[in-house]
PDB file of N, CA and C in Angstrom:
ATOM      1  N   UNK A   1       3.111  22.654  16.283  1.00  0.00           N
ATOM      2  CA  UNK A   1       2.444  21.366  16.190  1.00  0.00           C
ATOM      3  C   UNK A   1       1.145  21.536  15.405  1.00  0.00           C
ATOM      4  N   UNK A   2       0.867  20.595  14.547  1.00  0.00           N
ATOM      5  CA  UNK A   2      -0.336  20.666  13.718  1.00  0.00           C
ATOM      6  C   UNK A   2      -1.585  20.487  14.569  1.00  0.00           C
ATOM      7  N   UNK A   3      -2.617  21.231  14.237  1.00  0.00           N
ATOM      8  CA  UNK A   3      -3.907  21.112  14.922  1.00  0.00           C
ATOM      9  C   UNK A   3      -4.740  20.057  14.198  1.00  0.00           C
ATOM     10  N   UNK A   4      -5.317  19.152  14.970  1.00  0.00           N
ATOM     11  CA  UNK A   4      -6.125  18.070  14.407  1.00  0.00           C
ATOM     12  C   UNK A   4      -7.582  18.287  14.782  1.00  0.00           C
ATOM     13  N   UNK A   5      -8.485  17.882  13.884  1.00  0.00           N
ATOM     14  CA  UNK A   5      -9.921  17.950  14.143  1.00  0.00           C
ATOM     15  C   UNK A   5     -10.446  16.653  14.749  1.00  0.00           C
ATOM     16  N   UNK A   6      -9.828  15.535  14.355  1.00  0.00           N
ATOM     17  CA  UNK A   6     -10.263  14.219  14.805  1.00  0.00           C
ATOM     18  C   UNK A   6      -9.064  13.291  14.958  1.00  0.00           C
ATOM     19  N   UNK A   7      -9.234  12.283  15.808  1.00  0.00           N
ATOM     20  CA  UNK A   7      -8.244  11.228  15.991  1.00  0.00           C
ATOM     21  C   UNK A   7      -8.918   9.893  15.700  1.00  0.00           C
ATOM     22  N   UNK A   8      -8.151   8.948  15.162  1.00  0.00           N
ATOM     23  CA  UNK A   8      -8.625   7.578  14.973  1.00  0.00           C
ATOM     24  C   UNK A   8      -7.775   6.666  15.848  1.00  0.00           C
ATOM     25  N   UNK A   9      -8.446   5.931  16.760  1.00  0.00           N
ATOM     26  CA  UNK A   9      -7.718   5.035  17.659  1.00  0.00           C
ATOM     27  C   UNK A   9      -7.956   3.560  17.358  1.00  0.00           C
ATOM     28  N   UNK A  10      -8.895   3.243  16.488  1.00  0.00           N
ATOM     29  CA  UNK A  10      -9.189   1.852  16.172  1.00  0.00           C
ATOM     30  C   UNK A  10      -9.898   1.732  14.839  1.00  0.00           C
ATOM     31  N   UNK A  11      -9.912   0.522  14.304  1.00  0.00           N
ATOM     32  CA  UNK A  11     -10.554   0.276  13.004  1.00  0.00           C
ATOM     33  C   UNK A  11     -11.341  -1.028  13.032  1.00  0.00           C
ATOM     34  N   UNK A  12     -12.325  -1.109  12.154  1.00  0.00           N
ATOM     35  CA  UNK A  12     -13.034  -2.352  11.855  1.00  0.00           C
ATOM     36  C   UNK A  12     -12.746  -2.653  10.391  1.00  0.00           C
ATOM     37  N   UNK A  13     -12.586  -3.927  10.066  1.00  0.00           N
ATOM     38  CA  UNK A  13     -12.320  -4.325   8.685  1.00  0.00           C
ATOM     39  C   UNK A  13     -13.454  -5.171   8.143  1.00  0.00           C
ATOM     40  N   UNK A  14     -13.656  -5.064   6.852  1.00  0.00           N
ATOM     41  CA  UNK A  14     -14.604  -5.915   6.131  1.00  0.00           C
ATOM     42  C   UNK A  14     -13.768  -6.838   5.251  1.00  0.00           C
ATOM     43  N   UNK A  15     -14.068  -8.111   5.322  1.00  0.00           N
ATOM     44  CA  UNK A  15     -13.303  -9.087   4.557  1.00  0.00           C
ATOM     45  C   UNK A  15     -14.203  -9.769   3.542  1.00  0.00           C
ATOM     46  N   UNK A  16     -13.705  -9.884   2.339  1.00  0.00           N
ATOM     47  CA  UNK A  16     -14.371 -10.664   1.306  1.00  0.00           C
ATOM     48  C   UNK A  16     -13.419 -11.793   0.934  1.00  0.00           C
ATOM     49  N   UNK A  17     -13.793 -12.595  -0.045  1.00  0.00           N
ATOM     50  CA  UNK A  17     -12.941 -13.718  -0.442  1.00  0.00           C
ATOM     51  C   UNK A  17     -11.558 -13.261  -0.913  1.00  0.00           C
ATOM     52  N   UNK A  18     -11.495 -12.130  -1.617  1.00  0.00           N
ATOM     53  CA  UNK A  18     -10.219 -11.733  -2.208  1.00  0.00           C
ATOM     54  C   UNK A  18      -9.661 -10.398  -1.706  1.00  0.00           C
ATOM     55  N   UNK A  19     -10.334  -9.746  -0.757  1.00  0.00           N
ATOM     56  CA  UNK A  19      -9.807  -8.474  -0.273  1.00  0.00           C
ATOM     57  C   UNK A  19     -10.240  -8.181   1.155  1.00  0.00           C
ATOM     58  N   UNK A  20      -9.600  -7.178   1.710  1.00  0.00           N
ATOM     59  CA  UNK A  20      -9.885  -6.735   3.063  1.00  0.00           C
ATOM     60  C   UNK A  20      -9.699  -5.219   3.074  1.00  0.00           C
ATOM     61  N   UNK A  21     -10.638  -4.497   3.674  1.00  0.00           N
ATOM     62  CA  UNK A  21     -10.513  -3.044   3.730  1.00  0.00           C
ATOM     63  C   UNK A  21     -11.139  -2.516   5.011  1.00  0.00           C
ATOM     64  N   UNK A  22     -10.743  -1.318   5.386  1.00  0.00           N
ATOM     65  CA  UNK A  22     -11.285  -0.668   6.572  1.00  0.00           C
ATOM     66  C   UNK A  22     -12.709  -0.219   6.268  1.00  0.00           C
ATOM     67  N   UNK A  23     -13.662  -0.709   7.049  1.00  0.00           N
ATOM     68  CA  UNK A  23     -15.068  -0.361   6.833  1.00  0.00           C
ATOM     69  C   UNK A  23     -15.533   0.739   7.790  1.00  0.00           C
ATOM     70  N   UNK A  24     -14.973   0.772   9.005  1.00  0.00           N
ATOM     71  CA  UNK A  24     -15.368   1.737  10.032  1.00  0.00           C
ATOM     72  C   UNK A  24     -14.133   2.085  10.865  1.00  0.00           C
ATOM     73  N   UNK A  25     -14.223   3.229  11.550  1.00  0.00           N
ATOM     74  CA  UNK A  25     -13.130   3.630  12.440  1.00  0.00           C
ATOM     75  C   UNK A  25     -13.710   4.069  13.775  1.00  0.00           C
ATOM     76  N   UNK A  26     -12.868   4.071  14.798  1.00  0.00           N
ATOM     77  CA  UNK A  26     -13.219   4.604  16.112  1.00  0.00           C
ATOM     78  C   UNK A  26     -12.675   6.025  16.132  1.00  0.00           C
ATOM     79  N   UNK A  27     -13.574   6.997  15.930  1.00  0.00           N
ATOM     80  CA  UNK A  27     -13.226   8.397  15.710  1.00  0.00           C
ATOM     81  C   UNK A  27     -13.503   9.221  16.953  1.00  0.00           C
ATOM     82  N   UNK A  28     -12.530  10.037  17.334  1.00  0.00           N
ATOM     83  CA  UNK A  28     -12.642  10.929  18.491  1.00  0.00           C
ATOM     84  C   UNK A  28     -12.579  12.365  17.992  1.00  0.00           C
ATOM     85  N   UNK A  29     -13.478  13.209  18.450  1.00  0.00           N
ATOM     86  CA  UNK A  29     -13.443  14.633  18.126  1.00  0.00           C
ATOM     87  C   UNK A  29     -12.479  15.340  19.074  1.00  0.00           C
ATOM     88  N   UNK A  30     -11.869  16.414  18.597  1.00  0.00           N
ATOM     89  CA  UNK A  30     -10.982  17.208  19.450  1.00  0.00           C
ATOM     90  C   UNK A  30     -11.708  18.401  20.065  1.00  0.00           C
ATOM     91  N   UNK A  31     -12.964  18.613  19.704  1.00  0.00           N
ATOM     92  CA  UNK A  31     -13.722  19.738  20.265  1.00  0.00           C
ATOM     93  C   UNK A  31     -13.865  19.562  21.767  1.00  0.00           C
ATOM     94  N   UNK A  32     -13.438  20.551  22.525  1.00  0.00           N
ATOM     95  CA  UNK A  32     -13.542  20.470  23.981  1.00  0.00           C
ATOM     96  C   UNK A  32     -12.550  19.510  24.599  1.00  0.00           C
ATOM     97  N   UNK A  33     -11.470  19.182  23.892  1.00  0.00           N
ATOM     98  CA  UNK A  33     -10.489  18.227  24.397  1.00  0.00           C
ATOM     99  C   UNK A  33     -10.709  16.861  23.785  1.00  0.00           C
ATOM    100  N   UNK A  34      -9.939  15.901  24.253  1.00  0.00           N
ATOM    101  CA  UNK A  34     -10.043  14.544  23.712  1.00  0.00           C
ATOM    102  C   UNK A  34     -11.351  13.924  24.158  1.00  0.00           C
ATOM    103  N   UNK A  35     -12.229  13.634  23.196  1.00  0.00           N
ATOM    104  CA  UNK A  35     -13.544  13.093  23.533  1.00  0.00           C
ATOM    105  C   UNK A  35     -13.649  11.597  23.363  1.00  0.00           C
ATOM    106  N   UNK A  36     -14.760  11.062  23.845  1.00  0.00           N
ATOM    107  CA  UNK A  36     -15.038   9.638  23.656  1.00  0.00           C
ATOM    108  C   UNK A  36     -15.156   9.354  22.176  1.00  0.00           C
ATOM    109  N   UNK A  37     -14.817   8.138  21.808  1.00  0.00           N
ATOM    110  CA  UNK A  37     -14.865   7.757  20.411  1.00  0.00           C
ATOM    111  C   UNK A  37     -16.226   7.217  20.001  1.00  0.00           C
ATOM    112  N   UNK A  38     -16.465   7.294  18.702  1.00  0.00           N
ATOM    113  CA  UNK A  38     -17.673   6.741  18.105  1.00  0.00           C
ATOM    114  C   UNK A  38     -17.297   5.921  16.880  1.00  0.00           C
ATOM    115  N   UNK A  39     -18.050   4.849  16.646  1.00  0.00           N
ATOM    116  CA  UNK A  39     -17.853   4.050  15.443  1.00  0.00           C
ATOM    117  C   UNK A  39     -18.460   4.817  14.276  1.00  0.00           C
ATOM    118  N   UNK A  40     -17.623   5.142  13.286  1.00  0.00           N
ATOM    119  CA  UNK A  40     -18.033   5.930  12.132  1.00  0.00           C
ATOM    120  C   UNK A  40     -17.637   5.173  10.869  1.00  0.00           C
ATOM    121  N   UNK A  41     -18.535   5.105   9.887  1.00  0.00           N
ATOM    122  CA  UNK A  41     -18.214   4.394   8.646  1.00  0.00           C
ATOM    123  C   UNK A  41     -17.173   5.176   7.844  1.00  0.00           C
ATOM    124  N   UNK A  42     -16.389   4.460   7.084  1.00  0.00           N
ATOM    125  CA  UNK A  42     -15.284   5.073   6.334  1.00  0.00           C
ATOM    126  C   UNK A  42     -15.781   6.114   5.344  1.00  0.00           C
ATOM    127  N   UNK A  43     -16.981   5.962   4.793  1.00  0.00           N
ATOM    128  CA  UNK A  43     -17.495   6.957   3.852  1.00  0.00           C
ATOM    129  C   UNK A  43     -17.745   8.300   4.538  1.00  0.00           C
ATOM    130  N   UNK A  44     -18.173   8.266   5.802  1.00  0.00           N
ATOM    131  CA  UNK A  44     -18.354   9.513   6.551  1.00  0.00           C
ATOM    132  C   UNK A  44     -17.005  10.153   6.865  1.00  0.00           C
ATOM    133  N   UNK A  45     -15.985   9.331   7.103  1.00  0.00           N
ATOM    134  CA  UNK A  45     -14.639   9.858   7.339  1.00  0.00           C
ATOM    135  C   UNK A  45     -14.108  10.499   6.054  1.00  0.00           C
ATOM    136  N   UNK A  46     -14.340   9.867   4.915  1.00  0.00           N
ATOM    137  CA  UNK A  46     -13.929  10.440   3.631  1.00  0.00           C
ATOM    138  C   UNK A  46     -14.614  11.787   3.425  1.00  0.00           C
ATOM    139  N   UNK A  47     -15.902  11.876   3.760  1.00  0.00           N
ATOM    140  CA  UNK A  47     -16.619  13.153   3.631  1.00  0.00           C
ATOM    141  C   UNK A  47     -15.992  14.229   4.511  1.00  0.00           C
ATOM    142  N   UNK A  48     -15.599  13.858   5.736  1.00  0.00           N
ATOM    143  CA  UNK A  48     -14.922  14.812   6.614  1.00  0.00           C
ATOM    144  C   UNK A  48     -13.607  15.277   5.990  1.00  0.00           C
ATOM    145  N   UNK A  49     -12.837  14.342   5.454  1.00  0.00           N
ATOM    146  CA  UNK A  49     -11.563  14.694   4.822  1.00  0.00           C
ATOM    147  C   UNK A  49     -11.776  15.588   3.610  1.00  0.00           C
ATOM    148  N   UNK A  50     -12.792  15.280   2.798  1.00  0.00           N
ATOM    149  CA  UNK A  50     -13.091  16.105   1.629  1.00  0.00           C
ATOM    150  C   UNK A  50     -13.486  17.522   2.018  1.00  0.00           C
ATOM    151  N   UNK A  51     -14.111  17.667   3.185  1.00  0.00           N
ATOM    152  CA  UNK A  51     -14.530  18.999   3.632  1.00  0.00           C
ATOM    153  C   UNK A  51     -13.398  19.752   4.342  1.00  0.00           C
ATOM    154  N   UNK A  52     -12.206  19.134   4.388  1.00  0.00           N
ATOM    155  CA  UNK A  52     -11.042  19.821   4.936  1.00  0.00           C
ATOM    156  C   UNK A  52     -10.650  19.442   6.345  1.00  0.00           C
ATOM    157  N   UNK A  53     -11.315  18.472   6.948  1.00  0.00           N
ATOM    158  CA  UNK A  53     -10.962  18.044   8.308  1.00  0.00           C
ATOM    159  C   UNK A  53      -9.569  17.427   8.320  1.00  0.00           C
ATOM    160  N   UNK A  54      -8.848  17.676   9.395  1.00  0.00           N
ATOM    161  CA  UNK A  54      -7.523  17.094   9.585  1.00  0.00           C
ATOM    162  C   UNK A  54      -7.646  15.962  10.604  1.00  0.00           C
ATOM    163  N   UNK A  55      -7.254  14.753  10.175  1.00  0.00           N
ATOM    164  CA  UNK A  55      -7.421  13.552  10.995  1.00  0.00           C
ATOM    165  C   UNK A  55      -6.083  12.835  11.100  1.00  0.00           C
ATOM    166  N   UNK A  56      -5.776  12.340  12.296  1.00  0.00           N
ATOM    167  CA  UNK A  56      -4.558  11.577  12.523  1.00  0.00           C
ATOM    168  C   UNK A  56      -4.874  10.315  13.310  1.00  0.00           C
ATOM    169  N   UNK A  57      -4.003   9.333  13.192  1.00  0.00           N
ATOM    170  CA  UNK A  57      -4.113   8.169  14.063  1.00  0.00           C
ATOM    171  C   UNK A  57      -3.566   8.563  15.429  1.00  0.00           C
ATOM    172  N   UNK A  58      -3.986   7.833  16.446  1.00  0.00           N
ATOM    173  CA  UNK A  58      -3.514   8.095  17.801  1.00  0.00           C
ATOM    174  C   UNK A  58      -3.424   6.760  18.531  1.00  0.00           C
ATOM    175  N   UNK A  59      -2.366   6.595  19.304  1.00  0.00           N
ATOM    176  CA  UNK A  59      -2.182   5.351  20.051  1.00  0.00           C
ATOM    177  C   UNK A  59      -1.828   5.683  21.495  1.00  0.00           C
ATOM    178  N   UNK A  60      -2.129   4.754  22.381  1.00  0.00           N
ATOM    179  CA  UNK A  60      -1.817   4.932  23.787  1.00  0.00           C
ATOM    180  C   UNK A  60      -0.388   4.461  24.028  1.00  0.00           C
ATOM    181  N   UNK A  61       0.425   5.330  24.615  1.00  0.00           N
ATOM    182  CA  UNK A  61       1.791   4.989  24.968  1.00  0.00           C
ATOM    183  C   UNK A  61       1.790   4.547  26.430  1.00  0.00           C
ATOM    184  N   UNK A  62       1.896   3.265  26.660  1.00  0.00           N
ATOM    185  CA  UNK A  62       1.829   2.717  28.014  1.00  0.00           C
ATOM    186  C   UNK A  62       3.024   3.135  28.866  1.00  0.00           C
ATOM    187  N   UNK A  63       4.173   3.302  28.238  1.00  0.00           N
ATOM    188  CA  UNK A  63       5.375   3.680  28.979  1.00  0.00           C
ATOM    189  C   UNK A  63       5.260   5.116  29.518  1.00  0.00           C
ATOM    190  N   UNK A  64       4.794   6.036  28.681  1.00  0.00           N
ATOM    191  CA  UNK A  64       4.676   7.443  29.090  1.00  0.00           C
ATOM    192  C   UNK A  64       3.308   7.787  29.684  1.00  0.00           C
ATOM    193  N   UNK A  65       2.376   6.827  29.605  1.00  0.00           N
ATOM    194  CA  UNK A  65       1.007   6.990  30.099  1.00  0.00           C
ATOM    195  C   UNK A  65       0.356   8.232  29.489  1.00  0.00           C
ATOM    196  N   UNK A  66       0.351   8.265  28.161  1.00  0.00           N
ATOM    197  CA  UNK A  66      -0.285   9.364  27.440  1.00  0.00           C
ATOM    198  C   UNK A  66      -0.553   8.943  25.991  1.00  0.00           C
ATOM    199  N   UNK A  67      -1.416   9.692  25.328  1.00  0.00           N
ATOM    200  CA  UNK A  67      -1.715   9.432  23.930  1.00  0.00           C
ATOM    201  C   UNK A  67      -0.549   9.919  23.074  1.00  0.00           C
ATOM    202  N   UNK A  68      -0.322   9.223  21.978  1.00  0.00           N
ATOM    203  CA  UNK A  68       0.745   9.562  21.030  1.00  0.00           C
ATOM    204  C   UNK A  68       0.123   9.768  19.659  1.00  0.00           C
ATOM    205  N   UNK A  69       0.379  10.951  19.067  1.00  0.00           N
ATOM    206  CA  UNK A  69      -0.111  11.219  17.717  1.00  0.00           C
ATOM    207  C   UNK A  69       0.628  10.342  16.724  1.00  0.00           C
ATOM    208  N   UNK A  70      -0.098   9.880  15.716  1.00  0.00           N
ATOM    209  CA  UNK A  70       0.492   8.992  14.725  1.00  0.00           C
ATOM    210  C   UNK A  70       0.660   9.652  13.380  1.00  0.00           C
ATOM    211  N   UNK A  71      -0.006   9.125  12.363  1.00  0.00           N
ATOM    212  CA  UNK A  71       0.150   9.585  10.987  1.00  0.00           C
ATOM    213  C   UNK A  71      -1.132  10.232  10.483  1.00  0.00           C
ATOM    214  N   UNK A  72      -0.964  11.155   9.568  1.00  0.00           N
ATOM    215  CA  UNK A  72      -2.090  11.839   8.941  1.00  0.00           C
ATOM    216  C   UNK A  72      -2.920  10.825   8.135  1.00  0.00           C
ATOM    217  N   UNK A  73      -4.234  10.905   8.292  1.00  0.00           N
ATOM    218  CA  UNK A  73      -5.142  10.005   7.579  1.00  0.00           C
ATOM    219  C   UNK A  73      -5.582  10.671   6.277  1.00  0.00           C
ATOM    220  N   UNK A  74      -5.531   9.904   5.199  1.00  0.00           N
ATOM    221  CA  UNK A  74      -5.908  10.373   3.874  1.00  0.00           C
ATOM    222  C   UNK A  74      -6.852   9.343   3.249  1.00  0.00           C
ATOM    223  N   UNK A  75      -7.234   9.569   2.002  1.00  0.00           N
ATOM    224  CA  UNK A  75      -8.055   8.580   1.299  1.00  0.00           C
ATOM    225  C   UNK A  75      -7.618   8.493  -0.148  1.00  0.00           C
ATOM    226  N   UNK A  76      -7.916   7.369  -0.759  1.00  0.00           N
ATOM    227  CA  UNK A  76      -7.694   7.128  -2.184  1.00  0.00           C
ATOM    228  C   UNK A  76      -9.013   6.699  -2.792  1.00  0.00           C
ATOM    229  N   UNK A  77      -9.112   6.867  -4.095  1.00  0.00           N
ATOM    230  CA  UNK A  77     -10.274   6.373  -4.827  1.00  0.00           C
ATOM    231  C   UNK A  77      -9.782   5.398  -5.887  1.00  0.00           C
ATOM    232  N   UNK A  78     -10.324   4.186  -5.842  1.00  0.00           N
ATOM    233  CA  UNK A  78      -9.970   3.148  -6.807  1.00  0.00           C
ATOM    234  C   UNK A  78     -11.260   2.600  -7.385  1.00  0.00           C
ATOM    235  N   UNK A  79     -11.417   2.726  -8.696  1.00  0.00           N
ATOM    236  CA  UNK A  79     -12.618   2.242  -9.395  1.00  0.00           C
ATOM    237  C   UNK A  79     -13.893   2.777  -8.755  1.00  0.00           C
ATOM    238  N   UNK A  80     -13.890   4.050  -8.367  1.00  0.00           N
ATOM    239  CA  UNK A  80     -15.075   4.681  -7.804  1.00  0.00           C
ATOM    240  C   UNK A  80     -15.318   4.397  -6.326  1.00  0.00           C
ATOM    241  N   UNK A  81     -14.469   3.586  -5.701  1.00  0.00           N
ATOM    242  CA  UNK A  81     -14.611   3.246  -4.284  1.00  0.00           C
ATOM    243  C   UNK A  81     -13.526   3.966  -3.496  1.00  0.00           C
ATOM    244  N   UNK A  82     -13.908   4.535  -2.344  1.00  0.00           N
ATOM    245  CA  UNK A  82     -12.956   5.246  -1.494  1.00  0.00           C
ATOM    246  C   UNK A  82     -12.371   4.304  -0.437  1.00  0.00           C
ATOM    247  N   UNK A  83     -11.085   4.485  -0.167  1.00  0.00           N
ATOM    248  CA  UNK A  83     -10.378   3.702   0.839  1.00  0.00           C
ATOM    249  C   UNK A  83      -9.579   4.642   1.729  1.00  0.00           C
ATOM    250  N   UNK A  84      -9.600   4.396   3.034  1.00  0.00           N
ATOM    251  CA  UNK A  84      -8.808   5.189   3.966  1.00  0.00           C
ATOM    252  C   UNK A  84      -7.383   4.646   4.003  1.00  0.00           C
ATOM    253  N   UNK A  85      -6.438   5.556   4.215  1.00  0.00           N
ATOM    254  CA  UNK A  85      -5.039   5.155   4.325  1.00  0.00           C
ATOM    255  C   UNK A  85      -4.282   6.230   5.079  1.00  0.00           C
ATOM    256  N   UNK A  86      -3.093   5.896   5.513  1.00  0.00           N
ATOM    257  CA  UNK A  86      -2.186   6.884   6.062  1.00  0.00           C
ATOM    258  C   UNK A  86      -1.118   7.158   5.005  1.00  0.00           C
ATOM    259  N   UNK A  87      -0.406   8.240   5.186  1.00  0.00           N
ATOM    260  CA  UNK A  87       0.622   8.630   4.232  1.00  0.00           C
ATOM    261  C   UNK A  87       1.608   7.474   4.054  1.00  0.00           C
ATOM    262  N   UNK A  88       2.032   7.215   2.815  1.00  0.00           N
ATOM    263  CA  UNK A  88       2.933   6.076   2.568  1.00  0.00           C
ATOM    264  C   UNK A  88       4.244   6.134   3.361  1.00  0.00           C
ATOM    265  N   UNK A  89       4.689   7.322   3.764  1.00  0.00           N
ATOM    266  CA  UNK A  89       5.933   7.442   4.530  1.00  0.00           C
ATOM    267  C   UNK A  89       5.740   7.227   6.023  1.00  0.00           C
ATOM    268  N   UNK A  90       4.513   6.947   6.460  1.00  0.00           N
ATOM    269  CA  UNK A  90       4.247   6.774   7.898  1.00  0.00           C
ATOM    270  C   UNK A  90       4.966   5.535   8.429  1.00  0.00           C
ATOM    271  N   UNK A  91       5.384   5.622   9.678  1.00  0.00           N
ATOM    272  CA  UNK A  91       5.952   4.447  10.343  1.00  0.00           C
ATOM    273  C   UNK A  91       4.873   3.380  10.449  1.00  0.00           C
ATOM    274  N   UNK A  92       5.258   2.135  10.388  1.00  0.00           N
ATOM    275  CA  UNK A  92       4.299   1.037  10.511  1.00  0.00           C
ATOM    276  C   UNK A  92       3.496   1.166  11.798  1.00  0.00           C
ATOM    277  N   UNK A  93       4.138   1.590  12.867  1.00  0.00           N
ATOM    278  CA  UNK A  93       3.474   1.739  14.164  1.00  0.00           C
ATOM    279  C   UNK A  93       2.337   2.764  14.103  1.00  0.00           C
ATOM    280  N   UNK A  94       2.461   3.770  13.229  1.00  0.00           N
ATOM    281  CA  UNK A  94       1.508   4.863  13.151  1.00  0.00           C
ATOM    282  C   UNK A  94       0.387   4.667  12.132  1.00  0.00           C
ATOM    283  N   UNK A  95       0.521   3.716  11.225  1.00  0.00           N
ATOM    284  CA  UNK A  95      -0.463   3.623  10.147  1.00  0.00           C
ATOM    285  C   UNK A  95      -1.788   3.014  10.622  1.00  0.00           C
ATOM    286  N   UNK A  96      -2.810   3.173   9.808  1.00  0.00           N
ATOM    287  CA  UNK A  96      -4.145   2.691  10.170  1.00  0.00           C
ATOM    288  C   UNK A  96      -4.164   1.184  10.403  1.00  0.00           C
ATOM    289  N   UNK A  97      -3.392   0.457   9.643  1.00  0.00           N
ATOM    290  CA  UNK A  97      -3.371  -0.996   9.772  1.00  0.00           C
ATOM    291  C   UNK A  97      -2.848  -1.446  11.132  1.00  0.00           C
ATOM    292  N   UNK A  98      -2.097  -0.578  11.811  1.00  0.00           N
ATOM    293  CA  UNK A  98      -1.576  -0.911  13.134  1.00  0.00           C
ATOM    294  C   UNK A  98      -2.507  -0.477  14.259  1.00  0.00           C
ATOM    295  N   UNK A  99      -3.613   0.165  13.914  1.00  0.00           N
ATOM    296  CA  UNK A  99      -4.583   0.584  14.924  1.00  0.00           C
ATOM    297  C   UNK A  99      -5.254  -0.633  15.548  1.00  0.00           C
ATOM    298  N   UNK A 100      -5.864  -0.427  16.683  1.00  0.00           N
ATOM    299  CA  UNK A 100      -6.568  -1.512  17.367  1.00  0.00           C
ATOM    300  C   UNK A 100      -7.634  -2.090  16.431  1.00  0.00           C
ATOM    301  N   UNK A 101      -7.648  -3.393  16.301  1.00  0.00           N
ATOM    302  CA  UNK A 101      -8.650  -4.083  15.481  1.00  0.00           C
ATOM    303  C   UNK A 101      -9.903  -4.252  16.340  1.00  0.00           C
ATOM    304  N   UNK A 102     -10.822  -3.316  16.229  1.00  0.00           N
ATOM    305  CA  UNK A 102     -11.961  -3.229  17.132  1.00  0.00           C
ATOM    306  C   UNK A 102     -12.892  -4.438  17.052  1.00  0.00           C
ATOM    307  N   UNK A 103     -12.966  -5.095  15.908  1.00  0.00           N
ATOM    308  CA  UNK A 103     -13.872  -6.241  15.807  1.00  0.00           C
ATOM    309  C   UNK A 103     -13.456  -7.386  16.718  1.00  0.00           C
ATOM    310  N   UNK A 104     -12.207  -7.357  17.188  1.00  0.00           N
ATOM    311  CA  UNK A 104     -11.733  -8.406  18.088  1.00  0.00           C
ATOM    312  C   UNK A 104     -11.948  -8.073  19.554  1.00  0.00           C
ATOM    313  N   UNK A 105     -12.249  -6.798  19.866  1.00  0.00           N
ATOM    314  CA  UNK A 105     -12.449  -6.442  21.268  1.00  0.00           C
ATOM    315  C   UNK A 105     -13.857  -5.945  21.576  1.00  0.00           C
ATOM    316  N   UNK A 106     -14.608  -5.546  20.568  1.00  0.00           N
ATOM    317  CA  UNK A 106     -15.991  -5.121  20.762  1.00  0.00           C
ATOM    318  C   UNK A 106     -16.913  -5.994  19.938  1.00  0.00           C
ATOM    319  N   UNK A 107     -18.048  -6.320  20.477  1.00  0.00           N
ATOM    320  CA  UNK A 107     -19.034  -7.129  19.777  1.00  0.00           C
ATOM    321  C   UNK A 107     -20.221  -6.233  19.458  1.00  0.00           C
ATOM    322  N   UNK A 108     -20.702  -6.286  18.217  1.00  0.00           N
ATOM    323  CA  UNK A 108     -21.823  -5.454  17.802  1.00  0.00           C
ATOM    324  C   UNK A 108     -23.176  -6.096  18.064  1.00  0.00           C
ATOM    325  N   UNK A 109     -23.285  -6.900  19.086  1.00  0.00           N
ATOM    326  CA  UNK A 109     -24.556  -7.534  19.427  1.00  0.00           C
ATOM    327  C   UNK A 109     -24.786  -7.410  20.923  1.00  0.00           C
ATOM    328  N   UNK A 110     -25.921  -7.837  21.360  1.00  0.00           N
ATOM    329  CA  UNK A 110     -26.230  -7.719  22.784  1.00  0.00           C
ATOM    330  C   UNK A 110     -25.283  -8.584  23.623  1.00  0.00           C
ATOM    331  N   UNK A 111     -25.146  -8.212  24.859  1.00  0.00           N
ATOM    332  CA  UNK A 111     -24.238  -8.918  25.766  1.00  0.00           C
ATOM    333  C   UNK A 111     -24.797 -10.302  26.082  1.00  0.00           C
ATOM    334  N   UNK A 112     -23.929 -11.285  26.023  1.00  0.00           N
ATOM    335  CA  UNK A 112     -24.305 -12.648  26.378  1.00  0.00           C
ATOM    336  C   UNK A 112     -23.771 -12.942  27.768  1.00  0.00           C
ATOM    337  N   UNK A 113     -24.585 -13.522  28.592  1.00  0.00           N
ATOM    338  CA  UNK A 113     -24.136 -13.838  29.944  1.00  0.00           C
ATOM    339  C   UNK A 113     -23.666 -15.273  29.964  1.00  0.00           C
ATOM    340  N   UNK A 114     -22.555 -15.480  30.644  1.00  0.00           N
ATOM    341  CA  UNK A 114     -21.981 -16.808  30.765  1.00  0.00           C
ATOM    342  C   UNK A 114     -22.101 -17.260  32.219  1.00  0.00           C
ATOM    343  N   UNK A 115     -22.440 -18.494  32.423  1.00  0.00           N
ATOM    344  CA  UNK A 115     -22.531 -19.020  33.790  1.00  0.00           C
ATOM    345  C   UNK A 115     -21.724 -20.304  33.871  1.00  0.00           C
ATOM    346  N   UNK A 116     -21.323 -20.623  35.073  1.00  0.00           N
ATOM    347  CA  UNK A 116     -20.534 -21.852  35.286  1.00  0.00           C
ATOM    348  C   UNK A 116     -21.418 -23.047  35.398  1.00  0.00           C
TER     349      UNK A 116
END
């Protein structure tokens, strides 16, 4: 089994009028076992990949009650801009686009209290 340095369990996207791309990921280190995740910008992930880090997507398997390794994470460069991607042969279930869309479950602002 391949040894991984990091896992990605979720993504944040940036949307413009004509495009959408992954801006940040929820990255977990494998040092000392499966660690808590941190929001990391895609450029820092590209730097990790360039330095030789091995990164894969990971998803929670509710049926087996365990984490499931997904697809190897890579990057492309288009017009001087880097983009994260998974290998083109990856199953749809394993690719980055199928990761948890973190902007829909986490809010990057202070907690608002609601009252009845």
